[in-house]
Amino acid sequence: MFLFPSHDTCIESGIIEPGLKLFDAKNKIQAHVMADGSILYKDITGSIHSVGAKAQGTESCNGWSFWHIKMENKLYPLDHLREKIRKNN
């Protein structure tokens, strides 16, 4: 259920912290990263994939491409961060 390859790696990298806000590509849906690496959207918690699907009202979702973070006032998909973490390890 963790967002990234290793929860400890994400926290140690300083890139992902509990409370980080996640957005859909249109900046209309917002969720938060929880301390255990799951995400919270309204009253729904779970993986980036399951919560993304529920937020859209669909059966499945690729959370890596659905969820985005804001960096330098731009939205980047989570997959961008995943690749950044992998390159640093």
Protein backbone atom coordinates (compact mmCIF):
# COMPACT_ATOMS: atom_id res chain seq x y z
CA MET A 1 0.00 0.00 0.00
CA PHE A 2 3.00 2.34 0.15
CA LEU A 3 3.27 5.10 -2.42
CA PHE A 4 6.87 4.52 -3.41
CA PRO A 5 9.35 1.66 -3.63
CA SER A 6 10.21 1.97 0.06
CA HIS A 7 8.44 4.10 2.64
CA ASP A 8 11.71 4.64 4.51
CA THR A 9 13.47 5.67 1.30
CA CYS A 10 10.77 8.25 0.61
CA ILE A 11 10.97 9.77 4.06
CA GLU A 12 14.78 9.69 4.13
CA SER A 13 14.94 11.35 0.71
CA GLY A 14 13.11 14.37 2.09
CA ILE A 15 10.96 14.46 -1.05
CA ILE A 16 7.87 12.84 0.44
CA GLU A 17 6.57 13.72 3.88
CA PRO A 18 3.33 12.93 5.67
CA GLY A 19 0.84 15.68 4.94
CA LEU A 20 2.08 16.26 1.39
CA LYS A 21 -0.83 17.32 -0.81
CA LEU A 22 -1.61 15.33 -3.95
CA PHE A 23 -3.77 16.59 -6.81
CA ASP A 24 -5.35 15.29 -9.98
CA ALA A 25 -4.06 16.76 -13.26
CA LYS A 26 -6.84 19.37 -13.29
CA ASN A 27 -6.12 20.41 -9.70
CA LYS A 28 -9.72 19.66 -8.66
CA ILE A 29 -9.25 16.57 -6.50
CA GLN A 30 -6.94 16.81 -3.49
CA ALA A 31 -5.60 14.12 -1.15
CA HIS A 32 -2.90 13.96 1.54
CA VAL A 33 -0.06 11.52 2.20
CA MET A 34 -0.48 9.80 5.57
CA ALA A 35 2.32 8.75 7.95
CA ASP A 36 2.03 5.10 6.87
CA GLY A 37 2.40 5.98 3.16
CA SER A 38 -1.28 5.61 2.32
CA ILE A 39 -3.29 8.55 1.08
CA LEU A 40 -6.45 10.18 2.38
CA TYR A 41 -9.14 11.68 0.17
CA LYS A 42 -12.24 12.87 2.04
CA ASP A 43 -12.94 9.84 4.27
CA ILE A 44 -11.25 7.31 1.96
CA THR A 45 -7.79 5.93 2.73
CA GLY A 46 -5.72 3.45 0.77
CA SER A 47 -3.16 3.16 -1.98
CA ILE A 48 -2.66 5.75 -4.68
CA HIS A 49 -4.43 3.36 -7.06
CA SER A 50 -7.49 2.48 -4.97
CA VAL A 51 -8.10 6.02 -3.73
CA GLY A 52 -7.60 7.43 -7.22
CA ALA A 53 -10.21 5.02 -8.58
CA LYS A 54 -12.72 5.90 -5.86
CA ALA A 55 -12.11 9.64 -6.31
CA GLN A 56 -12.95 9.27 -10.02
CA GLY A 57 -15.77 6.79 -9.54
CA THR A 58 -13.97 4.14 -11.59
CA GLU A 59 -12.99 0.54 -10.92
CA SER A 60 -9.26 1.01 -11.44
CA CYS A 61 -6.68 3.75 -11.64
CA ASN A 62 -2.99 4.12 -12.32
CA GLY A 63 -2.14 6.23 -9.29
CA TRP A 64 1.34 6.99 -10.61
CA SER A 65 -0.13 9.01 -13.46
CA PHE A 66 -3.38 10.18 -11.81
CA TRP A 67 -1.90 11.82 -8.69
CA HIS A 68 0.35 14.87 -9.00
CA ILE A 69 2.33 17.08 -6.67
CA LYS A 70 3.04 20.78 -6.95
CA MET A 71 6.66 21.80 -7.33
CA GLU A 72 7.64 25.31 -8.39
CA ASN A 73 3.95 26.07 -9.07
CA LYS A 74 3.69 23.22 -11.59
CA LEU A 75 1.97 19.86 -11.29
CA TYR A 76 4.11 16.74 -11.76
CA PRO A 77 2.80 13.15 -11.75
CA LEU A 78 3.93 10.93 -8.91
CA ASP A 79 5.79 8.83 -11.44
CA HIS A 80 8.15 11.79 -11.87
CA LEU A 81 9.07 11.57 -8.17
CA ARG A 82 9.33 7.80 -8.24
CA GLU A 83 11.91 8.05 -11.01
CA LYS A 84 13.78 10.78 -9.14
CA ILE A 85 14.00 8.61 -6.02
CA ARG A 86 15.13 5.57 -8.03
CA LYS A 87 17.91 7.58 -9.69
CA ASN A 88 19.18 8.77 -6.30
CA ASN A 89 19.36 5.23 -4.84
